[in-house]
Amino acid sequence: MPATSGPFSAELKPRQGKLIRCTLTLDDGVIASIRFTGDFFMMPGAAVATLERHLTGRTPGEIAGAVDTFFSNADVEMLGVTPENFIEVAQMAIKNLKGDSR
Protein backbone atom coordinates (compact mmCIF):
# COMPACT_ATOMS: atom_id res chain seq x y z
CA MET A 1 0.00 0.00 0.00
CA PRO A 2 1.45 3.42 -0.92
CA ALA A 3 2.53 5.67 1.92
CA THR A 4 0.40 8.75 2.52
CA SER A 5 2.51 10.25 5.28
CA GLY A 6 6.21 10.82 5.83
CA PRO A 7 9.26 12.70 4.56
CA PHE A 8 11.31 12.05 1.45
CA SER A 9 13.51 13.77 -1.07
CA ALA A 10 14.85 13.48 -4.59
CA GLU A 11 17.55 15.17 -6.67
CA LEU A 12 17.61 16.06 -10.34
CA LYS A 13 20.42 17.40 -12.47
CA PRO A 14 18.91 18.26 -15.84
CA ARG A 15 21.12 18.00 -18.88
CA GLN A 16 23.08 21.26 -19.15
CA GLY A 17 21.33 22.38 -15.95
CA LYS A 18 21.86 22.92 -12.27
CA LEU A 19 21.16 20.58 -9.37
CA ILE A 20 17.68 20.83 -7.88
CA ARG A 21 16.66 18.94 -4.75
CA CYS A 22 13.15 18.57 -3.38
CA THR A 23 12.52 17.60 0.22
CA LEU A 24 8.88 17.19 1.17
CA THR A 25 6.65 15.78 3.84
CA LEU A 26 3.21 14.35 3.21
CA ASP A 27 0.61 14.27 5.95
CA ASP A 28 -2.43 12.11 5.12
CA GLY A 29 -1.81 12.55 1.40
CA VAL A 30 -1.34 16.34 1.51
CA ILE A 31 1.94 18.24 1.20
CA ALA A 32 2.66 19.45 4.74
CA SER A 33 6.02 20.97 3.79
CA ILE A 34 8.16 21.22 0.69
CA ARG A 35 11.57 22.73 0.10
CA PHE A 36 13.60 23.21 -3.06
CA THR A 37 17.36 23.60 -2.77
CA GLY A 38 20.33 23.20 -5.08
CA ASP A 39 22.72 25.25 -7.15
CA PHE A 40 20.12 26.83 -9.41
CA PHE A 41 19.35 30.55 -9.45
CA MET A 42 15.94 32.21 -9.20
CA MET A 43 15.36 35.94 -9.05
CA PRO A 44 13.95 37.36 -6.95
CA GLY A 45 15.36 35.02 -4.35
CA ALA A 46 12.13 34.99 -2.37
CA ALA A 47 10.34 33.35 -5.31
CA VAL A 48 11.48 29.89 -4.22
CA ALA A 49 9.84 30.34 -0.80
CA THR A 50 6.71 31.68 -2.49
CA LEU A 51 6.57 28.58 -4.73
CA GLU A 52 6.99 26.34 -1.68
CA ARG A 53 4.09 28.11 0.08
CA HIS A 54 2.02 27.78 -3.11
CA LEU A 55 2.50 23.98 -3.07
CA THR A 56 1.95 23.43 0.66
CA GLY A 57 -1.50 22.04 1.39
CA ARG A 58 -1.93 20.49 -2.06
CA THR A 59 -2.15 16.86 -3.03
CA PRO A 60 0.55 15.19 -5.13
CA GLY A 61 -1.81 15.18 -8.12
CA GLU A 62 -2.01 18.98 -7.99
CA ILE A 63 1.75 19.60 -8.23
CA ALA A 64 2.04 20.00 -12.01
CA GLY A 65 -0.92 22.36 -12.31
CA ALA A 66 0.13 24.41 -9.28
CA VAL A 67 3.71 24.82 -10.55
CA ASP A 68 2.44 25.78 -14.01
CA THR A 69 0.05 28.33 -12.48
CA PHE A 70 2.77 29.76 -10.26
CA PHE A 71 5.24 30.31 -13.09
CA SER A 72 2.53 31.63 -15.43
CA ASN A 73 1.71 34.36 -12.91
CA ALA A 74 5.12 35.00 -11.31
CA ASP A 75 7.66 37.47 -12.62
CA VAL A 76 10.77 35.36 -12.05
CA GLU A 77 14.00 34.71 -13.88
CA MET A 78 15.72 31.35 -13.59
CA LEU A 79 19.12 30.04 -14.52
CA GLY A 80 19.83 26.34 -14.79
CA VAL A 81 16.29 25.05 -14.21
CA THR A 82 12.84 25.19 -15.78
CA PRO A 83 9.35 24.97 -14.27
CA GLU A 84 9.20 21.40 -15.59
CA ASN A 85 12.27 20.54 -13.49
CA PHE A 86 10.43 21.59 -10.31
CA ILE A 87 7.51 19.35 -11.30
CA GLU A 88 9.79 16.43 -12.15
CA VAL A 89 11.84 16.51 -8.95
CA ALA A 90 8.74 16.91 -6.74
CA GLN A 91 7.09 13.96 -8.49
CA MET A 92 10.29 11.94 -8.07
CA ALA A 93 10.21 12.63 -4.32
CA ILE A 94 6.54 11.56 -4.15
CA LYS A 95 7.36 8.38 -6.09
CA ASN A 96 10.24 7.62 -3.70
CA LEU A 97 7.94 8.14 -0.74
CA LYS A 98 5.27 5.87 -2.19
CA GLY A 99 7.90 3.21 -2.77
CA ASP A 100 8.94 3.34 0.86
CA SER A 101 8.07 0.15 2.72
CA ARG A 102 7.45 1.70 6.15
C-alpha atoms as a PDB file:
ATOM      1  CA  MET A   1       0.000   0.000   0.000  1.00  0.00           C
ATOM      2  CA  PRO A   2       1.452   3.415  -0.923  1.00  0.00           C
ATOM      3  CA  ALA A   3       2.533   5.666   1.918  1.00  0.00           C
ATOM      4  CA  THR A   4       0.396   8.747   2.525  1.00  0.00           C
ATOM      5  CA  SER A   5       2.513  10.254   5.277  1.00  0.00           C
ATOM      6  CA  GLY A   6       6.211  10.821   5.828  1.00  0.00           C
ATOM      7  CA  PRO A   7       9.257  12.697   4.565  1.00  0.00           C
ATOM      8  CA  PHE A   8      11.305  12.055   1.451  1.00  0.00           C
ATOM      9  CA  SER A   9      13.512  13.767  -1.071  1.00  0.00           C
ATOM     10  CA  ALA A  10      14.852  13.477  -4.594  1.00  0.00           C
ATOM     11  CA  GLU A  11      17.545  15.166  -6.670  1.00  0.00           C
ATOM     12  CA  LEU A  12      17.606  16.058 -10.335  1.00  0.00           C
ATOM     13  CA  LYS A  13      20.421  17.403 -12.466  1.00  0.00           C
ATOM     14  CA  PRO A  14      18.905  18.256 -15.843  1.00  0.00           C
ATOM     15  CA  ARG A  15      21.119  18.004 -18.884  1.00  0.00           C
ATOM     16  CA  GLN A  16      23.076  21.264 -19.148  1.00  0.00           C
ATOM     17  CA  GLY A  17      21.331  22.379 -15.951  1.00  0.00           C
ATOM     18  CA  LYS A  18      21.855  22.921 -12.266  1.00  0.00           C
ATOM     19  CA  LEU A  19      21.158  20.577  -9.365  1.00  0.00           C
ATOM     20  CA  ILE A  20      17.679  20.835  -7.880  1.00  0.00           C
ATOM     21  CA  ARG A  21      16.663  18.938  -4.752  1.00  0.00           C
ATOM     22  CA  CYS A  22      13.152  18.569  -3.382  1.00  0.00           C
ATOM     23  CA  THR A  23      12.516  17.596   0.221  1.00  0.00           C
ATOM     24  CA  LEU A  24       8.880  17.193   1.170  1.00  0.00           C
ATOM     25  CA  THR A  25       6.647  15.778   3.842  1.00  0.00           C
ATOM     26  CA  LEU A  26       3.211  14.346   3.206  1.00  0.00           C
ATOM     27  CA  ASP A  27       0.605  14.268   5.948  1.00  0.00           C
ATOM     28  CA  ASP A  28      -2.428  12.113   5.115  1.00  0.00           C
ATOM     29  CA  GLY A  29      -1.810  12.554   1.395  1.00  0.00           C
ATOM     30  CA  VAL A  30      -1.343  16.341   1.512  1.00  0.00           C
ATOM     31  CA  ILE A  31       1.936  18.243   1.203  1.00  0.00           C
ATOM     32  CA  ALA A  32       2.663  19.446   4.735  1.00  0.00           C
ATOM     33  CA  SER A  33       6.017  20.967   3.789  1.00  0.00           C
ATOM     34  CA  ILE A  34       8.157  21.224   0.688  1.00  0.00           C
ATOM     35  CA  ARG A  35      11.566  22.733   0.101  1.00  0.00           C
ATOM     36  CA  PHE A  36      13.596  23.208  -3.064  1.00  0.00           C
ATOM     37  CA  THR A  37      17.365  23.598  -2.772  1.00  0.00           C
ATOM     38  CA  GLY A  38      20.333  23.198  -5.081  1.00  0.00           C
ATOM     39  CA  ASP A  39      22.724  25.247  -7.146  1.00  0.00           C
ATOM     40  CA  PHE A  40      20.115  26.833  -9.408  1.00  0.00           C
ATOM     41  CA  PHE A  41      19.352  30.550  -9.447  1.00  0.00           C
ATOM     42  CA  MET A  42      15.945  32.205  -9.204  1.00  0.00           C
ATOM     43  CA  MET A  43      15.364  35.937  -9.053  1.00  0.00           C
ATOM     44  CA  PRO A  44      13.946  37.365  -6.947  1.00  0.00           C
ATOM     45  CA  GLY A  45      15.364  35.015  -4.353  1.00  0.00           C
ATOM     46  CA  ALA A  46      12.130  34.990  -2.367  1.00  0.00           C
ATOM     47  CA  ALA A  47      10.336  33.354  -5.309  1.00  0.00           C
ATOM     48  CA  VAL A  48      11.485  29.886  -4.216  1.00  0.00           C
ATOM     49  CA  ALA A  49       9.841  30.338  -0.799  1.00  0.00           C
ATOM     50  CA  THR A  50       6.713  31.679  -2.492  1.00  0.00           C
ATOM     51  CA  LEU A  51       6.573  28.576  -4.732  1.00  0.00           C
ATOM     52  CA  GLU A  52       6.988  26.342  -1.677  1.00  0.00           C
ATOM     53  CA  ARG A  53       4.085  28.107   0.084  1.00  0.00           C
ATOM     54  CA  HIS A  54       2.018  27.779  -3.112  1.00  0.00           C
ATOM     55  CA  LEU A  55       2.497  23.979  -3.068  1.00  0.00           C
ATOM     56  CA  THR A  56       1.950  23.434   0.664  1.00  0.00           C
ATOM     57  CA  GLY A  57      -1.503  22.041   1.391  1.00  0.00           C
ATOM     58  CA  ARG A  58      -1.926  20.494  -2.060  1.00  0.00           C
ATOM     59  CA  THR A  59      -2.153  16.858  -3.033  1.00  0.00           C
ATOM     60  CA  PRO A  60       0.548  15.193  -5.131  1.00  0.00           C
ATOM     61  CA  GLY A  61      -1.813  15.184  -8.116  1.00  0.00           C
ATOM     62  CA  GLU A  62      -2.013  18.980  -7.985  1.00  0.00           C
ATOM     63  CA  ILE A  63       1.746  19.602  -8.228  1.00  0.00           C
ATOM     64  CA  ALA A  64       2.038  20.004 -12.008  1.00  0.00           C
ATOM     65  CA  GLY A  65      -0.917  22.359 -12.311  1.00  0.00           C
ATOM     66  CA  ALA A  66       0.125  24.409  -9.281  1.00  0.00           C
ATOM     67  CA  VAL A  67       3.708  24.816 -10.548  1.00  0.00           C
ATOM     68  CA  ASP A  68       2.440  25.779 -14.015  1.00  0.00           C
ATOM     69  CA  THR A  69       0.051  28.334 -12.484  1.00  0.00           C
ATOM     70  CA  PHE A  70       2.773  29.758 -10.256  1.00  0.00           C
ATOM     71  CA  PHE A  71       5.244  30.314 -13.091  1.00  0.00           C
ATOM     72  CA  SER A  72       2.529  31.627 -15.429  1.00  0.00           C
ATOM     73  CA  ASN A  73       1.714  34.361 -12.911  1.00  0.00           C
ATOM     74  CA  ALA A  74       5.116  35.000 -11.314  1.00  0.00           C
ATOM     75  CA  ASP A  75       7.658  37.471 -12.620  1.00  0.00           C
ATOM     76  CA  VAL A  76      10.774  35.365 -12.053  1.00  0.00           C
ATOM     77  CA  GLU A  77      14.003  34.714 -13.883  1.00  0.00           C
ATOM     78  CA  MET A  78      15.723  31.346 -13.589  1.00  0.00           C
ATOM     79  CA  LEU A  79      19.121  30.042 -14.522  1.00  0.00           C
ATOM     80  CA  GLY A  80      19.827  26.336 -14.794  1.00  0.00           C
ATOM     81  CA  VAL A  81      16.287  25.050 -14.211  1.00  0.00           C
ATOM     82  CA  THR A  82      12.837  25.192 -15.779  1.00  0.00           C
ATOM     83  CA  PRO A  83       9.351  24.973 -14.274  1.00  0.00           C
ATOM     84  CA  GLU A  84       9.199  21.401 -15.592  1.00  0.00           C
ATOM     85  CA  ASN A  85      12.267  20.542 -13.493  1.00  0.00           C
ATOM     86  CA  PHE A  86      10.426  21.588 -10.314  1.00  0.00           C
ATOM     87  CA  ILE A  87       7.508  19.354 -11.302  1.00  0.00           C
ATOM     88  CA  GLU A  88       9.786  16.432 -12.148  1.00  0.00           C
ATOM     89  CA  VAL A  89      11.838  16.513  -8.948  1.00  0.00           C
ATOM     90  CA  ALA A  90       8.736  16.907  -6.744  1.00  0.00           C
ATOM     91  CA  GLN A  91       7.092  13.958  -8.492  1.00  0.00           C
ATOM     92  CA  MET A  92      10.294  11.939  -8.066  1.00  0.00           C
ATOM     93  CA  ALA A  93      10.208  12.626  -4.318  1.00  0.00           C
ATOM     94  CA  ILE A  94       6.545  11.564  -4.153  1.00  0.00           C
ATOM     95  CA  LYS A  95       7.357   8.378  -6.086  1.00  0.00           C
ATOM     96  CA  ASN A  96      10.244   7.624  -3.702  1.00  0.00           C
ATOM     97  CA  LEU A  97       7.943   8.138  -0.744  1.00  0.00           C
ATOM     98  CA  LYS A  98       5.270   5.867  -2.191  1.00  0.00           C
ATOM     99  CA  GLY A  99       7.896   3.205  -2.771  1.00  0.00           C
ATOM    100  CA  ASP A 100       8.943   3.344   0.863  1.00  0.00           C
ATOM    101  CA  SER A 101       8.072   0.146   2.721  1.00  0.00           C
ATOM    102  CA  ARG A 102       7.455   1.698   6.145  1.00  0.00           C
END
